[in-house]
Protein backbone atom coordinates (compact mmCIF):
# COMPACT_ATOMS: atom_id res chain seq x y z
CA MET A 1 55.94 84.23 134.07
CA THR A 2 59.46 85.66 134.34
CA ASP A 3 60.63 89.12 133.42
CA THR A 4 63.37 89.41 130.82
CA ALA A 5 65.86 92.25 130.69
CA PRO A 6 65.50 94.52 127.65
CA LEU A 7 68.04 94.01 124.91
CA ALA A 8 70.95 96.45 124.87
CA PRO A 9 70.91 98.96 122.00
CA ILE A 10 72.92 97.66 119.07
CA LEU A 11 75.06 100.82 119.10
CA GLU A 12 75.33 103.41 121.84
CA LEU A 13 77.47 106.47 122.46
CA ARG A 14 77.68 107.73 126.03
CA GLY A 15 79.30 111.09 126.68
CA LEU A 16 81.57 110.47 123.71
CA ARG A 17 84.48 112.83 123.16
CA ALA A 18 86.99 112.84 120.31
CA ALA A 19 89.78 115.16 119.22
CA TYR A 20 92.26 115.86 116.45
CA GLY A 21 95.39 116.56 118.41
CA ARG A 22 94.50 119.17 121.02
CA ILE A 23 91.35 120.27 119.24
CA GLU A 24 88.29 118.52 120.63
CA VAL A 25 85.53 118.09 118.04
CA LEU A 26 83.03 115.86 119.87
CA HIS A 27 81.94 117.24 123.22
CA GLY A 28 80.03 114.54 125.06
CA VAL A 29 77.81 112.96 122.39
CA ASP A 30 74.95 110.70 123.54
CA LEU A 31 73.21 108.54 120.92
CA THR A 32 71.25 105.29 121.06
CA ILE A 33 70.60 103.24 117.92
CA PRO A 34 68.07 100.43 118.50
CA ALA A 35 68.43 97.14 116.66
CA GLY A 36 66.84 96.98 113.21
CA SER A 37 66.34 100.72 112.87
CA VAL A 38 67.50 103.52 110.58
CA PHE A 39 68.99 106.38 112.59
CA ALA A 40 69.81 109.60 110.72
CA LEU A 41 72.55 111.88 112.03
CA LEU A 42 72.00 115.29 110.48
CA GLY A 43 73.77 118.62 110.51
CA PRO A 44 75.82 121.10 108.48
CA ASN A 45 79.47 120.74 107.54
CA GLY A 46 81.75 120.80 110.56
CA ALA A 47 79.10 119.56 112.96
CA GLY A 48 81.06 116.40 113.90
CA LYS A 49 79.03 113.84 111.95
CA THR A 50 81.90 112.20 110.07
CA THR A 51 84.04 112.18 113.22
CA THR A 52 81.25 110.25 114.92
CA ILE A 53 81.29 107.71 112.07
CA SER A 54 85.09 107.52 112.34
CA VAL A 55 84.86 106.58 116.02
CA CYS A 56 82.13 104.00 115.35
CA SER A 57 84.19 102.41 112.57
CA GLY A 58 87.42 102.29 114.59
CA LEU A 59 89.30 104.89 112.57
CA MET A 60 89.51 107.17 115.62
CA ALA A 61 89.76 106.33 119.30
CA PRO A 62 87.55 108.37 121.62
CA THR A 63 89.27 110.62 124.15
CA GLY A 64 86.42 110.31 126.63
CA GLY A 65 83.09 108.64 127.20
CA GLY A 66 82.18 105.29 125.72
CA PHE A 67 81.32 103.59 122.44
CA TYR A 68 79.25 100.45 123.00
CA LEU A 69 78.26 97.69 120.61
CA ALA A 70 75.43 95.46 121.88
CA GLY A 71 76.30 96.57 125.40
CA ARG A 72 80.03 95.88 125.07
CA LEU A 73 82.52 98.73 125.46
CA MET A 74 84.49 99.03 122.20
CA ASN A 75 86.72 102.07 122.88
CA GLY A 76 89.93 101.73 120.90
CA ALA A 77 88.82 98.66 118.89
CA ALA A 78 90.53 98.44 115.50
CA PRO A 79 88.48 98.51 112.26
CA ASP A 80 89.08 94.79 111.64
CA GLN A 81 87.87 93.92 115.15
CA LEU A 82 84.71 95.95 114.61
CA ALA A 83 84.20 94.34 111.19
CA ARG A 84 84.35 90.89 112.79
CA ALA A 85 81.86 92.12 115.39
CA GLY A 86 79.44 93.03 112.60
CA VAL A 87 80.13 96.72 111.87
CA CYS A 88 80.46 97.65 108.19
CA THR A 89 81.19 101.17 106.92
CA ILE A 90 80.52 102.74 103.54
CA PRO A 91 82.58 105.94 103.62
CA GLU A 92 81.89 109.18 101.82
CA GLY A 93 83.11 108.75 98.25
CA ARG A 94 81.83 105.16 98.07
CA GLY A 95 85.18 103.38 98.45
CA VAL A 96 84.97 100.98 95.50
CA PHE A 97 88.09 99.83 93.65
CA PRO A 98 87.88 102.00 90.48
CA ASN A 99 90.36 99.97 88.43
CA LEU A 100 88.56 96.66 89.01
CA THR A 101 85.40 95.51 87.29
CA VAL A 102 82.12 95.19 89.14
CA ARG A 103 82.59 91.43 89.37
CA GLU A 104 86.18 91.80 90.61
CA ASN A 105 85.00 94.26 93.27
CA LEU A 106 82.47 91.68 94.44
CA GLN A 107 85.08 88.94 94.28
CA MET A 108 87.18 90.86 96.81
CA MET A 109 84.51 89.92 99.37
CA SER A 110 84.90 86.18 98.84
CA PHE A 111 87.44 86.23 101.69
CA THR A 112 84.42 86.10 104.00
CA GLY A 113 83.96 82.50 102.90
CA ALA A 114 80.89 83.14 100.77
CA ALA A 115 80.73 81.47 97.37
CA MET A 116 81.14 83.82 94.44
CA ALA A 117 77.89 82.59 92.90
CA ASP A 118 76.02 83.50 96.08
CA ILE A 119 77.72 86.90 96.25
CA GLU A 120 76.71 87.71 92.68
CA ASP A 121 73.17 86.40 93.10
CA ALA A 122 72.60 88.63 96.14
CA ALA A 123 74.20 91.69 94.52
CA TYR A 124 72.39 91.40 91.20
CA SER A 125 69.01 90.64 92.76
CA ARG A 126 69.28 93.78 94.90
CA PHE A 127 70.72 95.89 92.07
CA PRO A 128 69.92 94.45 88.61
CA ARG A 129 71.88 97.30 87.01
CA LEU A 130 75.10 95.86 88.42
CA LYS A 131 74.56 92.65 86.46
CA GLU A 132 74.46 94.71 83.27
CA ARG A 133 77.72 96.40 84.33
CA ARG A 134 79.50 93.34 85.74
CA SER A 135 82.39 93.51 83.24
CA GLN A 136 82.73 97.31 83.43
CA LEU A 137 85.44 99.06 85.44
CA ALA A 138 83.83 100.44 88.59
CA GLY A 139 85.51 103.81 88.17
CA THR A 140 83.79 104.40 84.85
CA MET A 141 80.27 103.91 86.24
CA SER A 142 78.01 106.69 87.45
CA GLY A 143 78.16 107.80 91.06
CA GLY A 144 74.86 106.10 91.80
CA GLU A 145 76.02 102.80 90.31
CA GLN A 146 79.23 102.97 92.33
CA GLN A 147 77.17 103.51 95.47
CA MET A 148 75.04 100.50 94.57
CA LEU A 149 78.21 98.44 94.24
CA ALA A 150 79.50 99.67 97.59
CA ILE A 151 76.24 98.67 99.30
CA ALA A 152 76.11 95.30 97.55
CA ARG A 153 79.69 94.56 98.55
CA ALA A 154 79.08 95.64 102.15
CA MET A 155 76.11 93.31 102.52
CA VAL A 156 78.26 90.28 101.68
CA SER A 157 79.71 90.48 105.20
CA ASN A 158 76.18 90.10 106.66
CA PRO A 159 76.63 93.11 108.98
CA ALA A 160 74.66 93.78 112.13
CA VAL A 161 75.38 97.51 111.83
CA LEU A 162 75.82 99.49 108.62
CA LEU A 163 77.41 102.94 108.80
CA LEU A 164 76.68 105.19 105.81
CA ASP A 165 78.50 108.49 105.38
CA GLU A 166 76.84 110.96 102.97
CA LEU A 167 75.12 108.37 100.79
CA SER A 168 73.49 111.06 98.64
CA MET A 169 76.60 113.15 97.97
CA GLY A 170 76.72 114.23 94.32
CA LEU A 171 73.81 112.06 93.22
CA ALA A 172 70.61 112.95 91.37
CA PRO A 173 67.44 113.01 93.50
CA MET A 174 65.88 110.02 91.69
CA VAL A 175 69.00 107.92 92.34
CA VAL A 176 69.04 108.96 96.00
CA GLU A 177 65.40 107.93 96.35
CA GLU A 178 66.20 104.53 94.84
CA LEU A 179 69.18 104.01 97.16
CA TYR A 180 67.23 104.95 100.27
CA GLY A 181 64.52 102.52 99.21
CA VAL A 182 67.19 99.81 99.38
CA VAL A 183 68.36 101.14 102.75
CA ALA A 184 64.82 100.73 104.08
CA GLN A 185 64.73 97.14 102.77
CA ILE A 186 68.05 96.36 104.45
CA ALA A 187 66.80 97.75 107.77
CA ALA A 188 63.61 95.68 107.44
CA SER A 189 65.82 92.58 107.25
CA GLY A 190 67.14 93.36 110.75
CA VAL A 191 70.29 95.38 110.02
CA SER A 192 70.74 98.53 112.11
CA ILE A 193 71.79 101.57 110.08
CA LEU A 194 73.43 104.81 111.17
CA VAL A 195 73.40 107.22 108.26
CA VAL A 196 75.12 110.59 108.22
CA GLU A 197 73.63 113.16 105.87
CA GLN A 198 74.19 116.84 105.23
CA PHE A 199 71.12 116.99 102.96
CA ALA A 200 68.70 116.04 105.67
CA ARG A 201 65.40 115.60 103.89
CA THR A 202 66.76 112.88 101.60
CA VAL A 203 66.85 110.43 104.52
CA LEU A 204 63.97 111.54 106.75
CA GLY A 205 61.47 109.50 104.75
CA VAL A 206 63.11 106.20 105.76
CA ALA A 207 64.56 107.07 109.18
CA ASP A 208 62.96 105.75 112.37
CA ARG A 209 64.84 108.23 114.54
CA ALA A 210 67.02 111.25 113.82
CA ALA A 211 69.37 113.62 115.60
CA ILE A 212 70.59 117.10 114.73
CA MET A 213 74.26 117.63 115.50
CA LEU A 214 75.78 121.10 115.86
CA HIS A 215 79.32 122.06 116.90
CA GLY A 216 80.20 118.58 118.14
CA THR A 217 77.13 118.07 120.30
CA VAL A 218 73.67 116.57 119.76
CA ALA A 219 71.21 119.44 119.74
CA LYS A 220 68.00 117.41 119.41
CA VAL A 221 66.85 113.79 119.01
CA GLY A 222 63.41 112.62 117.96
CA HIS A 223 61.15 111.18 115.32
CA PRO A 224 61.96 112.70 111.91
CA SER A 225 58.62 114.52 111.81
CA GLU A 226 59.50 116.23 115.10
CA LEU A 227 62.73 117.65 113.70
CA GLU A 228 61.42 119.24 110.49
CA ALA A 229 60.89 122.62 112.12
CA ASP A 230 64.41 122.62 113.57
CA LEU A 231 66.31 121.71 110.41
CA SER A 232 66.27 125.10 108.66
CA ALA A 233 67.41 126.88 111.81
CA ALA A 234 70.18 124.33 112.32
CA TYR A 235 71.53 124.67 108.78
CA LEU A 236 71.18 128.44 108.64
CA GLY A 237 72.66 129.00 112.09
CA GLY A 238 69.42 130.20 113.63
């Protein structure tokens, strides 16, 4: 019997630093996201969560430390390079094309080589409501429906890593619960998910691991149940 080396984490940050001009906002962040897991990055406004997502999606280059994807150093990789490597980002605000219909938004993903019939089948089976809205302009749908469209469109690229920034922003609790149910299903299919949330308890029910970020550093990492007691203090500045 031979020993096999453990698989590298799908996404890893080691001593990561990032800055806007001369102002450093990430001060040596360490995070490890195992394959096929949901990892929640929590914290109040200004904690550095969205900057972390920006580095992981290639919108910002780190000024120090390393950003690794499946063990490969990706510092400075452009968004299109990361997309080809399997990283897909759904930014805050959903990022759909508001002046296109639902079907036209989905059709934009046919550049991946997938057949339009397959794209629609996958989208409508995951979100039946989108089928009802397929001829409607995306910008006229509810926030929850737009978020469904953004997720459906992202999954066309068959990502290995899905980055979600403030999925619950501005949505009703019932809609958020429905969306996170889909997130759990996506993770169960083998996709690794890093989700940034300000409203922490909306994601803790589906997260495998979580971290609290404060002032550009990771204050605590653990199982969601281990962080419950720390969340109020983190958000209230205690």
